[in-house]
Amino acid sequence: MLNSILNALLLLLHPFYVSITSVDYNEQAHRVEISTRIFYDDLETALKDGRTLKIDLINPTDKSVTDSLLATYLANHLRLSVNGRPVLLRYVGYEIEEDVAWCFLEAVNINRVEQLRLDNRILFDHFPKQSNILHVTAYGKRQSTKLDNPEQTAVFEW
């Protein structure tokens, strides 16, 4: 019992920093669909990045400004290459669910996938103990890995 209480206290004193990114190749739509789950308070910290601007993902003052900041941040911290070629990720939007922000991106006109390379530096600049978990699925086969700061690149092959 005492160990359980101590473990709970340690978690409170030493929070963990993690994001989960799912990358799915939609073969019928010729599209790579990405969803990234990030604790919204950590994401707000990253979006501020020295700015005096108030960032509130739950109740944004101007949603278009918030979307623009998120799109820019994700473009700078999450990159995808398919079959050795960089692809443009289009920001689709975000949703808040409990204590996390779900951010959505997509790459279109992807006719086949033999290799996916993901560079994920989300929150690395702000949290030295950040880990980013990746789940990548294509052709019904799921592969996963974890990137611990500063490791930022993973390659998946089919």
N, C-alpha and C. Protein backbone atom coordinates (compact mmCIF):
# COMPACT_ATOMS: atom_id res chain seq x y z
N MET A 1 0.82 -1.19 0.00
CA MET A 1 0.00 0.00 0.00
C MET A 1 0.87 1.26 0.00
N LEU A 2 1.89 1.25 0.84
CA LEU A 2 2.78 2.40 0.91
C LEU A 2 3.50 2.62 -0.42
N ASN A 3 3.90 1.53 -1.09
CA ASN A 3 4.55 1.66 -2.41
C ASN A 3 3.61 2.29 -3.43
N SER A 4 2.34 1.93 -3.41
CA SER A 4 1.36 2.51 -4.34
C SER A 4 1.22 4.01 -4.11
N ILE A 5 1.19 4.41 -2.86
CA ILE A 5 1.06 5.83 -2.53
C ILE A 5 2.32 6.58 -2.99
N LEU A 6 3.49 5.99 -2.72
CA LEU A 6 4.74 6.62 -3.15
C LEU A 6 4.83 6.75 -4.66
N ASN A 7 4.42 5.71 -5.39
CA ASN A 7 4.42 5.77 -6.85
C ASN A 7 3.50 6.86 -7.37
N ALA A 8 2.33 6.98 -6.76
CA ALA A 8 1.38 8.03 -7.17
C ALA A 8 1.97 9.41 -6.92
N LEU A 9 2.63 9.59 -5.78
CA LEU A 9 3.26 10.87 -5.47
C LEU A 9 4.40 11.19 -6.44
N LEU A 10 5.18 10.18 -6.80
CA LEU A 10 6.26 10.39 -7.76
C LEU A 10 5.72 10.83 -9.11
N LEU A 11 4.60 10.24 -9.53
CA LEU A 11 4.00 10.66 -10.81
C LEU A 11 3.56 12.11 -10.76
N LEU A 12 3.03 12.53 -9.62
CA LEU A 12 2.61 13.92 -9.48
C LEU A 12 3.82 14.86 -9.49
N LEU A 13 4.91 14.45 -8.85
CA LEU A 13 6.09 15.28 -8.78
C LEU A 13 6.90 15.25 -10.08
N HIS A 14 6.85 14.15 -10.81
CA HIS A 14 7.61 13.99 -12.04
C HIS A 14 6.67 13.58 -13.17
N PRO A 15 5.98 14.55 -13.76
CA PRO A 15 5.03 14.20 -14.82
C PRO A 15 5.75 13.60 -16.03
N PHE A 16 4.99 12.83 -16.80
CA PHE A 16 5.56 12.25 -18.01
C PHE A 16 5.10 13.06 -19.21
N TYR A 17 5.91 13.03 -20.25
CA TYR A 17 5.64 13.79 -21.46
C TYR A 17 5.63 12.81 -22.63
N VAL A 18 4.44 12.65 -23.23
CA VAL A 18 4.30 11.68 -24.31
C VAL A 18 3.24 12.15 -25.29
N SER A 19 3.48 11.85 -26.56
CA SER A 19 2.45 12.03 -27.58
C SER A 19 2.30 10.70 -28.30
N ILE A 20 1.16 10.52 -28.92
CA ILE A 20 0.91 9.31 -29.71
C ILE A 20 0.47 9.74 -31.10
N THR A 21 1.20 9.30 -32.10
CA THR A 21 0.88 9.64 -33.48
C THR A 21 0.51 8.37 -34.23
N SER A 22 -0.65 8.38 -34.86
CA SER A 22 -1.09 7.27 -35.71
C SER A 22 -1.04 7.71 -37.16
N VAL A 23 -0.41 6.89 -37.98
CA VAL A 23 -0.28 7.16 -39.40
C VAL A 23 -0.92 5.98 -40.13
N ASP A 24 -1.95 6.27 -40.92
CA ASP A 24 -2.67 5.20 -41.61
C ASP A 24 -2.70 5.48 -43.11
N TYR A 25 -2.27 4.48 -43.87
CA TYR A 25 -2.37 4.60 -45.32
C TYR A 25 -3.74 4.10 -45.75
N ASN A 26 -4.54 5.00 -46.33
CA ASN A 26 -5.86 4.67 -46.85
C ASN A 26 -5.68 4.37 -48.34
N GLU A 27 -5.57 3.08 -48.64
CA GLU A 27 -5.26 2.65 -50.00
C GLU A 27 -6.34 3.06 -51.00
N GLN A 28 -7.61 2.95 -50.60
CA GLN A 28 -8.72 3.29 -51.51
C GLN A 28 -8.74 4.78 -51.86
N ALA A 29 -8.42 5.63 -50.86
CA ALA A 29 -8.46 7.08 -51.08
C ALA A 29 -7.10 7.63 -51.52
N HIS A 30 -6.08 6.78 -51.60
CA HIS A 30 -4.72 7.20 -51.96
C HIS A 30 -4.26 8.35 -51.06
N ARG A 31 -4.41 8.11 -49.75
CA ARG A 31 -4.15 9.18 -48.79
C ARG A 31 -3.48 8.60 -47.54
N VAL A 32 -2.55 9.36 -46.97
CA VAL A 32 -2.00 9.04 -45.66
C VAL A 32 -2.70 9.95 -44.65
N GLU A 33 -3.30 9.34 -43.65
CA GLU A 33 -4.06 10.07 -42.64
C GLU A 33 -3.31 10.01 -41.31
N ILE A 34 -3.11 11.16 -40.71
CA ILE A 34 -2.33 11.25 -39.48
C ILE A 34 -3.17 11.88 -38.38
N SER A 35 -3.16 11.25 -37.22
CA SER A 35 -3.76 11.86 -36.03
C SER A 35 -2.71 11.82 -34.93
N THR A 36 -2.55 12.93 -34.25
CA THR A 36 -1.57 13.05 -33.19
C THR A 36 -2.27 13.47 -31.92
N ARG A 37 -2.04 12.70 -30.87
CA ARG A 37 -2.66 12.94 -29.56
C ARG A 37 -1.59 13.54 -28.66
N ILE A 38 -1.82 14.80 -28.22
CA ILE A 38 -0.85 15.55 -27.43
C ILE A 38 -1.58 16.18 -26.24
N PHE A 39 -0.98 16.11 -25.05
CA PHE A 39 -1.57 16.81 -23.91
C PHE A 39 -1.69 18.29 -24.27
N TYR A 40 -2.91 18.83 -24.18
CA TYR A 40 -3.13 20.17 -24.71
C TYR A 40 -2.37 21.24 -23.94
N ASP A 41 -2.13 21.06 -22.64
CA ASP A 41 -1.39 22.08 -21.90
C ASP A 41 0.08 22.12 -22.36
N ASP A 42 0.65 20.96 -22.66
CA ASP A 42 2.02 20.92 -23.20
C ASP A 42 2.06 21.56 -24.59
N LEU A 43 1.05 21.29 -25.39
CA LEU A 43 0.98 21.86 -26.74
C LEU A 43 0.83 23.39 -26.67
N GLU A 44 0.03 23.88 -25.73
CA GLU A 44 -0.10 25.33 -25.56
C GLU A 44 1.25 25.96 -25.21
N THR A 45 2.02 25.29 -24.35
CA THR A 45 3.35 25.77 -24.00
C THR A 45 4.23 25.87 -25.24
N ALA A 46 4.20 24.85 -26.08
CA ALA A 46 5.00 24.85 -27.30
C ALA A 46 4.55 25.94 -28.27
N LEU A 47 3.24 26.14 -28.38
CA LEU A 47 2.73 27.16 -29.30
C LEU A 47 3.09 28.57 -28.86
N LYS A 48 3.15 28.79 -27.55
CA LYS A 48 3.54 30.12 -27.03
C LYS A 48 4.98 30.41 -27.41
N ASP A 49 5.87 29.50 -27.14
CA ASP A 49 7.29 29.58 -27.50
C ASP A 49 7.84 31.00 -27.44
N GLY A 50 7.73 31.62 -26.27
CA GLY A 50 8.29 32.95 -26.07
C GLY A 50 7.35 34.09 -26.45
N ARG A 51 6.23 33.77 -27.05
CA ARG A 51 5.28 34.83 -27.44
C ARG A 51 4.50 35.30 -26.21
N THR A 52 4.06 36.54 -26.23
CA THR A 52 3.21 37.05 -25.16
C THR A 52 1.75 36.73 -25.44
N LEU A 53 1.49 36.15 -26.59
CA LEU A 53 0.15 35.77 -27.02
C LEU A 53 -0.44 34.72 -26.08
N LYS A 54 -1.70 34.87 -25.71
CA LYS A 54 -2.38 33.88 -24.89
C LYS A 54 -2.91 32.78 -25.81
N ILE A 55 -2.54 31.55 -25.51
CA ILE A 55 -2.99 30.40 -26.30
C ILE A 55 -3.96 29.59 -25.44
N ASP A 56 -5.16 29.40 -25.94
CA ASP A 56 -6.17 28.59 -25.24
C ASP A 56 -6.81 27.68 -26.28
N LEU A 57 -6.39 26.42 -26.29
CA LEU A 57 -6.92 25.48 -27.28
C LEU A 57 -8.36 25.09 -27.01
N ILE A 58 -8.79 25.15 -25.76
CA ILE A 58 -10.17 24.77 -25.43
C ILE A 58 -11.14 25.86 -25.83
N ASN A 59 -10.82 27.10 -25.50
CA ASN A 59 -11.68 28.24 -25.83
C ASN A 59 -10.86 29.30 -26.57
N PRO A 60 -10.51 29.04 -27.82
CA PRO A 60 -9.67 30.01 -28.53
C PRO A 60 -10.41 31.32 -28.78
N THR A 61 -9.69 32.41 -28.63
CA THR A 61 -10.25 33.73 -28.91
C THR A 61 -10.56 33.85 -30.40
N ASP A 62 -9.63 33.39 -31.22
CA ASP A 62 -9.80 33.41 -32.68
C ASP A 62 -9.34 32.05 -33.21
N LYS A 63 -10.28 31.20 -33.57
CA LYS A 63 -9.98 29.82 -33.99
C LYS A 63 -9.06 29.80 -35.21
N SER A 64 -9.21 30.74 -36.12
CA SER A 64 -8.36 30.75 -37.32
C SER A 64 -6.90 31.03 -36.96
N VAL A 65 -6.67 31.88 -35.97
CA VAL A 65 -5.30 32.16 -35.51
C VAL A 65 -4.73 30.92 -34.85
N THR A 66 -5.53 30.27 -34.01
CA THR A 66 -5.09 29.04 -33.34
C THR A 66 -4.78 27.95 -34.36
N ASP A 67 -5.66 27.77 -35.34
CA ASP A 67 -5.42 26.78 -36.39
C ASP A 67 -4.13 27.09 -37.16
N SER A 68 -3.89 28.36 -37.45
CA SER A 68 -2.68 28.76 -38.16
C SER A 68 -1.43 28.45 -37.35
N LEU A 69 -1.46 28.76 -36.05
CA LEU A 69 -0.32 28.45 -35.17
C LEU A 69 -0.07 26.94 -35.11
N LEU A 70 -1.14 26.18 -34.99
CA LEU A 70 -1.01 24.71 -34.94
C LEU A 70 -0.48 24.16 -36.26
N ALA A 71 -1.00 24.63 -37.36
CA ALA A 71 -0.55 24.16 -38.67
C ALA A 71 0.94 24.44 -38.86
N THR A 72 1.38 25.62 -38.47
CA THR A 72 2.79 25.98 -38.60
C THR A 72 3.65 25.13 -37.67
N TYR A 73 3.20 24.97 -36.43
CA TYR A 73 3.97 24.17 -35.47
C TYR A 73 4.12 22.74 -35.97
N LEU A 74 3.03 22.14 -36.40
CA LEU A 74 3.08 20.75 -36.86
C LEU A 74 3.93 20.62 -38.12
N ALA A 75 3.86 21.59 -39.03
CA ALA A 75 4.67 21.54 -40.24
C ALA A 75 6.17 21.59 -39.91
N ASN A 76 6.51 22.27 -38.84
CA ASN A 76 7.91 22.40 -38.44
C ASN A 76 8.40 21.23 -37.58
N HIS A 77 7.50 20.46 -37.02
CA HIS A 77 7.90 19.42 -36.07
C HIS A 77 7.47 18.00 -36.45
N LEU A 78 6.76 17.86 -37.56
CA LEU A 78 6.32 16.54 -38.01
C LEU A 78 6.43 16.50 -39.53
N ARG A 79 7.31 15.63 -40.01
CA ARG A 79 7.53 15.53 -41.46
C ARG A 79 7.42 14.09 -41.89
N LEU A 80 6.93 13.92 -43.11
CA LEU A 80 6.71 12.59 -43.65
C LEU A 80 7.34 12.46 -45.03
N SER A 81 8.01 11.34 -45.25
CA SER A 81 8.49 10.98 -46.59
C SER A 81 7.89 9.64 -46.94
N VAL A 82 7.44 9.52 -48.18
CA VAL A 82 6.87 8.27 -48.68
C VAL A 82 7.75 7.80 -49.83
N ASN A 83 8.23 6.57 -49.71
CA ASN A 83 9.08 5.97 -50.74
C ASN A 83 10.28 6.87 -51.07
N GLY A 84 10.85 7.48 -50.02
CA GLY A 84 12.05 8.30 -50.19
C GLY A 84 11.81 9.73 -50.61
N ARG A 85 10.54 10.13 -50.78
CA ARG A 85 10.23 11.50 -51.21
C ARG A 85 9.42 12.22 -50.14
N PRO A 86 9.85 13.45 -49.79
CA PRO A 86 9.06 14.22 -48.83
C PRO A 86 7.67 14.51 -49.41
N VAL A 87 6.66 14.46 -48.55
CA VAL A 87 5.30 14.79 -48.99
C VAL A 87 4.77 15.94 -48.14
N LEU A 88 3.90 16.71 -48.74
CA LEU A 88 3.28 17.83 -48.05
C LEU A 88 2.16 17.32 -47.15
N LEU A 89 2.22 17.69 -45.89
CA LEU A 89 1.15 17.35 -44.96
C LEU A 89 0.20 18.54 -44.87
N ARG A 90 -1.07 18.27 -45.09
CA ARG A 90 -2.10 19.32 -45.01
C ARG A 90 -2.75 19.23 -43.63
N TYR A 91 -2.77 20.34 -42.93
CA TYR A 91 -3.43 20.43 -41.63
C TYR A 91 -4.93 20.37 -41.85
N VAL A 92 -5.61 19.47 -41.14
CA VAL A 92 -7.06 19.31 -41.28
C VAL A 92 -7.79 19.99 -40.14
N GLY A 93 -7.25 19.94 -38.93
CA GLY A 93 -7.89 20.56 -37.78
C GLY A 93 -7.50 19.87 -36.49
N TYR A 94 -8.19 20.28 -35.41
CA TYR A 94 -7.94 19.65 -34.12
C TYR A 94 -9.22 19.59 -33.31
N GLU A 95 -9.22 18.68 -32.34
CA GLU A 95 -10.33 18.53 -31.40
C GLU A 95 -9.75 18.33 -30.00
N ILE A 96 -10.46 18.78 -29.00
CA ILE A 96 -10.06 18.55 -27.62
C ILE A 96 -10.92 17.43 -27.05
N GLU A 97 -10.25 16.48 -26.41
CA GLU A 97 -10.94 15.37 -25.74
C GLU A 97 -10.29 15.19 -24.38
N GLU A 98 -11.02 15.54 -23.33
CA GLU A 98 -10.51 15.51 -21.97
C GLU A 98 -9.24 16.34 -21.87
N ASP A 99 -8.08 15.74 -21.59
CA ASP A 99 -6.86 16.51 -21.40
C ASP A 99 -5.92 16.49 -22.60
N VAL A 100 -6.42 16.05 -23.75
CA VAL A 100 -5.56 15.97 -24.94
C VAL A 100 -6.16 16.72 -26.13
N ALA A 101 -5.25 17.12 -27.00
CA ALA A 101 -5.64 17.69 -28.29
C ALA A 101 -5.36 16.63 -29.35
N TRP A 102 -6.35 16.34 -30.16
CA TRP A 102 -6.18 15.47 -31.33
C TRP A 102 -5.95 16.39 -32.52
N CYS A 103 -4.80 16.28 -33.15
CA CYS A 103 -4.49 17.09 -34.32
C CYS A 103 -4.50 16.17 -35.54
N PHE A 104 -5.08 16.65 -36.62
CA PHE A 104 -5.27 15.82 -37.81
C PHE A 104 -4.58 16.44 -39.03
N LEU A 105 -3.87 15.58 -39.77
CA LEU A 105 -3.17 15.98 -40.99
C LEU A 105 -3.39 14.90 -42.03
N GLU A 106 -3.11 15.25 -43.29
CA GLU A 106 -3.21 14.25 -44.35
C GLU A 106 -2.26 14.60 -45.49
N ALA A 107 -1.88 13.56 -46.21
CA ALA A 107 -1.11 13.70 -47.45
C ALA A 107 -1.91 13.00 -48.53
N VAL A 108 -2.13 13.67 -49.63
CA VAL A 108 -2.98 13.12 -50.69
C VAL A 108 -2.15 12.68 -51.89
N ASN A 109 -2.80 11.97 -52.80
CA ASN A 109 -2.19 11.47 -54.03
C ASN A 109 -1.02 10.52 -53.76
N ILE A 110 -1.21 9.65 -52.80
CA ILE A 110 -0.21 8.64 -52.45
C ILE A 110 -0.70 7.32 -53.04
N ASN A 111 -0.14 6.91 -54.17
CA ASN A 111 -0.65 5.74 -54.90
C ASN A 111 -0.19 4.41 -54.32
N ARG A 112 0.98 4.40 -53.70
CA ARG A 112 1.47 3.17 -53.07
C ARG A 112 2.45 3.56 -51.96
N VAL A 113 2.61 2.64 -51.02
CA VAL A 113 3.53 2.87 -49.92
C VAL A 113 4.42 1.64 -49.77
N GLU A 114 5.69 1.85 -49.96
CA GLU A 114 6.67 0.80 -49.68
C GLU A 114 7.48 1.15 -48.45
N GLN A 115 7.66 2.46 -48.26
CA GLN A 115 8.43 2.94 -47.11
C GLN A 115 7.85 4.26 -46.63
N LEU A 116 7.72 4.40 -45.32
CA LEU A 116 7.34 5.66 -44.69
C LEU A 116 8.45 6.06 -43.74
N ARG A 117 8.88 7.30 -43.85
CA ARG A 117 9.86 7.85 -42.91
C ARG A 117 9.17 8.99 -42.19
N LEU A 118 9.17 8.94 -40.89
CA LEU A 118 8.51 9.96 -40.09
C LEU A 118 9.55 10.65 -39.21
N ASP A 119 9.63 11.97 -39.32
CA ASP A 119 10.45 12.78 -38.44
C ASP A 119 9.50 13.48 -37.48
N ASN A 120 9.57 13.11 -36.22
CA ASN A 120 8.64 13.62 -35.22
C ASN A 120 9.43 14.27 -34.08
N ARG A 121 9.40 15.61 -34.05
CA ARG A 121 10.08 16.37 -33.00
C ARG A 121 9.07 17.11 -32.13
N ILE A 122 7.83 16.64 -32.11
CA ILE A 122 6.78 17.32 -31.35
C ILE A 122 7.19 17.41 -29.88
N LEU A 123 7.19 18.62 -29.37
CA LEU A 123 7.48 18.98 -27.98
C LEU A 123 8.93 18.76 -27.55
N PHE A 124 9.80 18.29 -28.44
CA PHE A 124 11.19 18.04 -28.06
C PHE A 124 11.90 19.31 -27.59
N ASP A 125 11.57 20.46 -28.19
CA ASP A 125 12.22 21.71 -27.82
C ASP A 125 11.86 22.17 -26.41
N HIS A 126 10.76 21.68 -25.88
CA HIS A 126 10.25 22.18 -24.60
C HIS A 126 10.35 21.19 -23.46
N PHE A 127 10.43 19.90 -23.78
CA PHE A 127 10.42 18.89 -22.73
C PHE A 127 11.52 17.85 -23.01
N PRO A 128 12.64 17.94 -22.31
CA PRO A 128 13.76 17.03 -22.56
C PRO A 128 13.40 15.55 -22.38
N LYS A 129 12.39 15.25 -21.59
CA LYS A 129 12.01 13.85 -21.36
C LYS A 129 10.83 13.42 -22.24
N GLN A 130 10.54 14.19 -23.27
CA GLN A 130 9.44 13.89 -24.18
C GLN A 130 9.69 12.58 -24.94
N SER A 131 8.65 11.77 -25.04
CA SER A 131 8.66 10.57 -25.88
C SER A 131 7.49 10.66 -26.85
N ASN A 132 7.71 10.24 -28.08
CA ASN A 132 6.66 10.23 -29.09
C ASN A 132 6.49 8.81 -29.59
N ILE A 133 5.30 8.28 -29.36
CA ILE A 133 4.97 6.92 -29.77
C ILE A 133 4.35 6.99 -31.16
N LEU A 134 4.78 6.09 -32.05
CA LEU A 134 4.29 6.06 -33.43
C LEU A 134 3.64 4.71 -33.72
N HIS A 135 2.45 4.76 -34.28
CA HIS A 135 1.75 3.57 -34.79
C HIS A 135 1.49 3.83 -36.27
N VAL A 136 2.04 2.99 -37.12
CA VAL A 136 1.92 3.19 -38.57
C VAL A 136 1.30 1.95 -39.18
N THR A 137 0.25 2.16 -39.99
CA THR A 137 -0.47 1.04 -40.59
C THR A 137 -0.59 1.24 -42.10
N ALA A 138 -0.26 0.18 -42.83
CA ALA A 138 -0.46 0.16 -44.28
C ALA A 138 -0.73 -1.29 -44.68
N TYR A 139 -1.67 -1.46 -45.59
CA TYR A 139 -2.01 -2.78 -46.12
C TYR A 139 -2.37 -3.77 -45.00
N GLY A 140 -3.01 -3.25 -43.94
CA GLY A 140 -3.45 -4.09 -42.85
C GLY A 140 -2.37 -4.49 -41.86
N LYS A 141 -1.15 -4.02 -42.06
CA LYS A 141 -0.05 -4.37 -41.17
C LYS A 141 0.33 -3.15 -40.34
N ARG A 142 0.28 -3.31 -39.01
CA ARG A 142 0.61 -2.21 -38.10
C ARG A 142 2.02 -2.41 -37.54
N GLN A 143 2.77 -1.31 -37.52
CA GLN A 143 4.11 -1.29 -36.92
C GLN A 143 4.17 -0.13 -35.94
N SER A 144 4.90 -0.31 -34.85
CA SER A 144 4.98 0.72 -33.82
C SER A 144 6.41 0.89 -33.34
N THR A 145 6.68 2.09 -32.84
CA THR A 145 7.96 2.36 -32.21
C THR A 145 7.79 3.56 -31.29
N LYS A 146 8.84 3.83 -30.51
CA LYS A 146 8.84 4.97 -29.61
C LYS A 146 10.11 5.76 -29.84
N LEU A 147 9.98 7.07 -29.96
CA LEU A 147 11.12 7.97 -30.12
C LEU A 147 11.29 8.77 -28.83
N ASP A 148 12.42 8.59 -28.18
CA ASP A 148 12.73 9.35 -26.97
C ASP A 148 13.64 10.51 -27.36
N ASN A 149 13.31 11.70 -26.90
CA ASN A 149 14.08 12.89 -27.17
C ASN A 149 15.55 12.62 -26.86
N PRO A 150 16.46 12.85 -27.80
CA PRO A 150 16.37 13.60 -29.05
C PRO A 150 16.14 12.73 -30.30
N GLU A 151 15.95 11.43 -30.16
CA GLU A 151 15.73 10.57 -31.34
C GLU A 151 14.43 10.99 -32.01
N GLN A 152 14.49 11.30 -33.31
CA GLN A 152 13.32 11.88 -33.96
C GLN A 152 12.85 11.19 -35.23
N THR A 153 13.58 10.19 -35.70
CA THR A 153 13.26 9.60 -37.00
C THR A 153 13.01 8.11 -36.89
N ALA A 154 11.95 7.66 -37.58
CA ALA A 154 11.64 6.23 -37.66
C ALA A 154 11.28 5.92 -39.11
N VAL A 155 11.70 4.73 -39.56
CA VAL A 155 11.42 4.28 -40.92
C VAL A 155 10.64 2.97 -40.83
N PHE A 156 9.58 2.88 -41.63
CA PHE A 156 8.71 1.70 -41.67
C PHE A 156 8.66 1.21 -43.11
N GLU A 157 8.73 -0.11 -43.29
CA GLU A 157 8.72 -0.66 -44.65
C GLU A 157 7.70 -1.79 -44.79
N TRP A 158 7.16 -1.89 -46.04
CA TRP A 158 6.22 -2.96 -46.37
C TRP A 158 6.69 -3.68 -47.60
